[in-house]
Amino acid sequence: MSEDHCTIGDEPKPPYAECVLCRKPTEYPESYRGITLCPVCEWQEAQRTACSG
């Protein structure tokens, strides 16, 4: 098997949606509806919106 194909066992992984901020792949499938963020941008967004008090 070539390294070009991402697989889970013998099955191919689904295509992932792009992060709306940095355009990197997310953990969400392309069919996901709503805002998709990569793990890094998701963490940064959570830090920005967290209560400071």
PDB file of N, CA and C in Angstrom:
ATOM      1  N   MET A   1       0.848  -1.182   0.000  1.00  0.00           N
ATOM      2  CA  MET A   1       0.000   0.000   0.000  1.00  0.00           C
ATOM      3  C   MET A   1       0.888   1.238   0.000  1.00  0.00           C
ATOM      4  N   SER A   2       0.537   2.220  -0.791  1.00  0.00           N
ATOM      5  CA  SER A   2       1.353   3.427  -0.873  1.00  0.00           C
ATOM      6  C   SER A   2       1.070   4.339   0.316  1.00  0.00           C
ATOM      7  N   GLU A   3       1.990   5.260   0.580  1.00  0.00           N
ATOM      8  CA  GLU A   3       1.841   6.182   1.691  1.00  0.00           C
ATOM      9  C   GLU A   3       0.915   7.338   1.352  1.00  0.00           C
ATOM     10  N   ASP A   4       0.440   7.419   0.096  1.00  0.00           N
ATOM     11  CA  ASP A   4      -0.447   8.501  -0.317  1.00  0.00           C
ATOM     12  C   ASP A   4      -1.841   8.368   0.278  1.00  0.00           C
ATOM     13  N   HIS A   5      -2.224   7.148   0.646  1.00  0.00           N
ATOM     14  CA  HIS A   5      -3.578   6.891   1.116  1.00  0.00           C
ATOM     15  C   HIS A   5      -3.599   6.766   2.629  1.00  0.00           C
ATOM     16  N   CYS A   6      -4.479   7.526   3.269  1.00  0.00           N
ATOM     17  CA  CYS A   6      -4.660   7.422   4.717  1.00  0.00           C
ATOM     18  C   CYS A   6      -5.663   6.313   4.983  1.00  0.00           C
ATOM     19  N   THR A   7      -5.333   5.420   5.875  1.00  0.00           N
ATOM     20  CA  THR A   7      -6.240   4.321   6.154  1.00  0.00           C
ATOM     21  C   THR A   7      -6.374   4.070   7.644  1.00  0.00           C
ATOM     22  N   ILE A   8      -7.516   3.520   8.005  1.00  0.00           N
ATOM     23  CA  ILE A   8      -7.761   3.016   9.348  1.00  0.00           C
ATOM     24  C   ILE A   8      -7.889   1.512   9.148  1.00  0.00           C
ATOM     25  N   GLY A   9      -6.878   0.760   9.529  1.00  0.00           N
ATOM     26  CA  GLY A   9      -6.893  -0.662   9.226  1.00  0.00           C
ATOM     27  C   GLY A   9      -6.832  -0.821   7.729  1.00  0.00           C
ATOM     28  N   ASP A  10      -7.863  -1.412   7.156  1.00  0.00           N
ATOM     29  CA  ASP A  10      -7.925  -1.599   5.706  1.00  0.00           C
ATOM     30  C   ASP A  10      -8.890  -0.628   5.030  1.00  0.00           C
ATOM     31  N   GLU A  11      -9.581   0.198   5.826  1.00  0.00           N
ATOM     32  CA  GLU A  11     -10.568   1.104   5.254  1.00  0.00           C
ATOM     33  C   GLU A  11      -9.995   2.516   5.128  1.00  0.00           C
ATOM     34  N   PRO A  12     -10.292   3.220   4.023  1.00  0.00           N
ATOM     35  CA  PRO A  12      -9.803   4.595   3.863  1.00  0.00           C
ATOM     36  C   PRO A  12     -10.508   5.532   4.828  1.00  0.00           C
ATOM     37  N   LYS A  13      -9.807   6.586   5.273  1.00  0.00           N
ATOM     38  CA  LYS A  13     -10.405   7.602   6.135  1.00  0.00           C
ATOM     39  C   LYS A  13     -11.292   8.503   5.294  1.00  0.00           C
ATOM     40  N   PRO A  14     -12.357   9.057   5.892  1.00  0.00           N
ATOM     41  CA  PRO A  14     -13.190   9.991   5.135  1.00  0.00           C
ATOM     42  C   PRO A  14     -12.441  11.302   4.927  1.00  0.00           C
ATOM     43  N   PRO A  15     -12.802  12.056   3.892  1.00  0.00           N
ATOM     44  CA  PRO A  15     -12.156  13.361   3.703  1.00  0.00           C
ATOM     45  C   PRO A  15     -12.569  14.301   4.830  1.00  0.00           C
ATOM     46  N   TYR A  16     -11.626  15.074   5.331  1.00  0.00           N
ATOM     47  CA  TYR A  16     -11.897  15.970   6.444  1.00  0.00           C
ATOM     48  C   TYR A  16     -12.133  17.394   5.969  1.00  0.00           C
ATOM     49  N   ALA A  17     -12.984  18.114   6.705  1.00  0.00           N
ATOM     50  CA  ALA A  17     -13.266  19.513   6.402  1.00  0.00           C
ATOM     51  C   ALA A  17     -12.055  20.366   6.765  1.00  0.00           C
ATOM     52  N   GLU A  18     -11.925  21.516   6.118  1.00  0.00           N
ATOM     53  CA  GLU A  18     -10.838  22.451   6.422  1.00  0.00           C
ATOM     54  C   GLU A  18     -11.244  23.350   7.577  1.00  0.00           C
ATOM     55  N   CYS A  19     -10.271  23.760   8.367  1.00  0.00           N
ATOM     56  CA  CYS A  19     -10.487  24.735   9.436  1.00  0.00           C
ATOM     57  C   CYS A  19     -10.874  26.065   8.782  1.00  0.00           C
ATOM     58  N   VAL A  20     -11.886  26.732   9.328  1.00  0.00           N
ATOM     59  CA  VAL A  20     -12.324  27.999   8.736  1.00  0.00           C
ATOM     60  C   VAL A  20     -11.345  29.131   9.010  1.00  0.00           C
ATOM     61  N   LEU A  21     -10.418  28.943   9.962  1.00  0.00           N
ATOM     62  CA  LEU A  21      -9.450  29.990  10.271  1.00  0.00           C
ATOM     63  C   LEU A  21      -8.113  29.785   9.570  1.00  0.00           C
ATOM     64  N   CYS A  22      -7.553  28.575   9.650  1.00  0.00           N
ATOM     65  CA  CYS A  22      -6.203  28.367   9.113  1.00  0.00           C
ATOM     66  C   CYS A  22      -6.156  27.420   7.910  1.00  0.00           C
ATOM     67  N   ARG A  23      -7.289  26.833   7.523  1.00  0.00           N
ATOM     68  CA  ARG A  23      -7.415  25.960   6.345  1.00  0.00           C
ATOM     69  C   ARG A  23      -6.737  24.597   6.504  1.00  0.00           C
ATOM     70  N   LYS A  24      -6.287  24.224   7.719  1.00  0.00           N
ATOM     71  CA  LYS A  24      -5.710  22.905   7.952  1.00  0.00           C
ATOM     72  C   LYS A  24      -6.840  21.890   8.128  1.00  0.00           C
ATOM     73  N   PRO A  25      -6.567  20.601   7.932  1.00  0.00           N
ATOM     74  CA  PRO A  25      -7.611  19.585   8.127  1.00  0.00           C
ATOM     75  C   PRO A  25      -8.095  19.551   9.583  1.00  0.00           C
ATOM     76  N   THR A  26      -9.385  19.308   9.748  1.00  0.00           N
ATOM     77  CA  THR A  26      -9.973  19.209  11.085  1.00  0.00           C
ATOM     78  C   THR A  26     -10.238  17.746  11.404  1.00  0.00           C
ATOM     79  N   GLU A  27     -10.874  17.498  12.535  1.00  0.00           N
ATOM     80  CA  GLU A  27     -11.276  16.152  12.912  1.00  0.00           C
ATOM     81  C   GLU A  27     -12.699  15.862  12.449  1.00  0.00           C
ATOM     82  N   TYR A  28     -13.302  16.805  11.728  1.00  0.00           N
ATOM     83  CA  TYR A  28     -14.688  16.675  11.271  1.00  0.00           C
ATOM     84  C   TYR A  28     -14.734  16.235   9.807  1.00  0.00           C
ATOM     85  N   PRO A  29     -15.697  15.387   9.442  1.00  0.00           N
ATOM     86  CA  PRO A  29     -15.818  15.003   8.032  1.00  0.00           C
ATOM     87  C   PRO A  29     -16.290  16.190   7.199  1.00  0.00           C
ATOM     88  N   GLU A  30     -16.064  16.129   5.894  1.00  0.00           N
ATOM     89  CA  GLU A  30     -16.494  17.222   5.002  1.00  0.00           C
ATOM     90  C   GLU A  30     -17.994  17.448   5.060  1.00  0.00           C
ATOM     91  N   SER A  31     -18.760  16.401   5.410  1.00  0.00           N
ATOM     92  CA  SER A  31     -20.212  16.521   5.445  1.00  0.00           C
ATOM     93  C   SER A  31     -20.719  17.217   6.715  1.00  0.00           C
ATOM     94  N   TYR A  32     -19.822  17.544   7.667  1.00  0.00           N
ATOM     95  CA  TYR A  32     -20.211  18.202   8.922  1.00  0.00           C
ATOM     96  C   TYR A  32     -20.761  19.582   8.623  1.00  0.00           C
ATOM     97  N   ARG A  33     -21.873  19.918   9.251  1.00  0.00           N
ATOM     98  CA  ARG A  33     -22.477  21.241   9.052  1.00  0.00           C
ATOM     99  C   ARG A  33     -22.104  22.139  10.219  1.00  0.00           C
ATOM    100  N   GLY A  34     -21.759  23.349   9.921  1.00  0.00           N
ATOM    101  CA  GLY A  34     -21.398  24.309  10.953  1.00  0.00           C
ATOM    102  C   GLY A  34     -19.946  24.714  10.831  1.00  0.00           C
ATOM    103  N   ILE A  35     -19.475  25.457  11.816  1.00  0.00           N
ATOM    104  CA  ILE A  35     -18.100  25.949  11.816  1.00  0.00           C
ATOM    105  C   ILE A  35     -17.159  24.813  12.184  1.00  0.00           C
ATOM    106  N   THR A  36     -16.143  24.611  11.367  1.00  0.00           N
ATOM    107  CA  THR A  36     -15.157  23.574  11.646  1.00  0.00           C
ATOM    108  C   THR A  36     -13.815  24.216  11.966  1.00  0.00           C
ATOM    109  N   LEU A  37     -13.241  23.825  13.083  1.00  0.00           N
ATOM    110  CA  LEU A  37     -11.945  24.330  13.509  1.00  0.00           C
ATOM    111  C   LEU A  37     -11.004  23.158  13.737  1.00  0.00           C
ATOM    112  N   CYS A  38      -9.723  23.350  13.414  1.00  0.00           N
ATOM    113  CA  CYS A  38      -8.725  22.328  13.705  1.00  0.00           C
ATOM    114  C   CYS A  38      -8.515  22.311  15.224  1.00  0.00           C
ATOM    115  N   PRO A  39      -7.892  21.277  15.770  1.00  0.00           N
ATOM    116  CA  PRO A  39      -7.696  21.215  17.232  1.00  0.00           C
ATOM    117  C   PRO A  39      -6.978  22.440  17.806  1.00  0.00           C
ATOM    118  N   VAL A  40      -5.992  22.977  17.109  1.00  0.00           N
ATOM    119  CA  VAL A  40      -5.253  24.143  17.615  1.00  0.00           C
ATOM    120  C   VAL A  40      -6.160  25.374  17.662  1.00  0.00           C
ATOM    121  N   CYS A  41      -6.854  25.666  16.572  1.00  0.00           N
ATOM    122  CA  CYS A  41      -7.735  26.835  16.538  1.00  0.00           C
ATOM    123  C   CYS A  41      -8.906  26.661  17.502  1.00  0.00           C
ATOM    124  N   GLU A  42      -9.403  25.421  17.658  1.00  0.00           N
ATOM    125  CA  GLU A  42     -10.485  25.146  18.594  1.00  0.00           C
ATOM    126  C   GLU A  42     -10.036  25.459  20.028  1.00  0.00           C
ATOM    127  N   TRP A  43      -8.823  25.061  20.382  1.00  0.00           N
ATOM    128  CA  TRP A  43      -8.276  25.325  21.711  1.00  0.00           C
ATOM    129  C   TRP A  43      -8.096  26.834  21.918  1.00  0.00           C
ATOM    130  N   GLN A  44      -7.550  27.516  20.907  1.00  0.00           N
ATOM    131  CA  GLN A  44      -7.343  28.961  21.017  1.00  0.00           C
ATOM    132  C   GLN A  44      -8.666  29.703  21.162  1.00  0.00           C
ATOM    133  N   GLU A  45      -9.675  29.271  20.439  1.00  0.00           N
ATOM    134  CA  GLU A  45     -10.995  29.888  20.530  1.00  0.00           C
ATOM    135  C   GLU A  45     -11.584  29.668  21.917  1.00  0.00           C
ATOM    136  N   ALA A  46     -11.403  28.493  22.482  1.00  0.00           N
ATOM    137  CA  ALA A  46     -11.892  28.215  23.834  1.00  0.00           C
ATOM    138  C   ALA A  46     -11.180  29.106  24.862  1.00  0.00           C
ATOM    139  N   GLN A  47      -9.891  29.356  24.657  1.00  0.00           N
ATOM    140  CA  GLN A  47      -9.151  30.243  25.567  1.00  0.00           C
ATOM    141  C   GLN A  47      -9.675  31.679  25.479  1.00  0.00           C
ATOM    142  N   ARG A  48      -9.995  32.120  24.265  1.00  0.00           N
ATOM    143  CA  ARG A  48     -10.500  33.496  24.084  1.00  0.00           C
ATOM    144  C   ARG A  48     -11.873  33.692  24.720  1.00  0.00           C
ATOM    145  N   THR A  49     -12.711  32.654  24.666  1.00  0.00           N
ATOM    146  CA  THR A  49     -14.078  32.798  25.151  1.00  0.00           C
ATOM    147  C   THR A  49     -14.259  32.354  26.598  1.00  0.00           C
ATOM    148  N   ALA A  50     -13.221  31.831  27.217  1.00  0.00           N
ATOM    149  CA  ALA A  50     -13.318  31.367  28.612  1.00  0.00           C
ATOM    150  C   ALA A  50     -13.505  32.548  29.563  1.00  0.00           C
ATOM    151  N   CYS A  51     -14.197  32.273  30.634  1.00  0.00           N
ATOM    152  CA  CYS A  51     -14.383  33.282  31.685  1.00  0.00           C
ATOM    153  C   CYS A  51     -13.054  33.569  32.359  1.00  0.00           C
ATOM    154  N   SER A  52     -12.720  34.813  32.523  1.00  0.00           N
ATOM    155  CA  SER A  52     -11.467  35.138  33.173  1.00  0.00           C
ATOM    156  C   SER A  52     -11.625  35.289  34.681  1.00  0.00           C
ATOM    157  N   GLY A  53     -12.814  35.264  35.169  1.00  0.00           N
ATOM    158  CA  GLY A  53     -13.024  35.495  36.582  1.00  0.00           C
ATOM    159  C   GLY A  53     -13.541  34.331  37.243  1.00  0.00           C
TER     160      GLY A  53
END
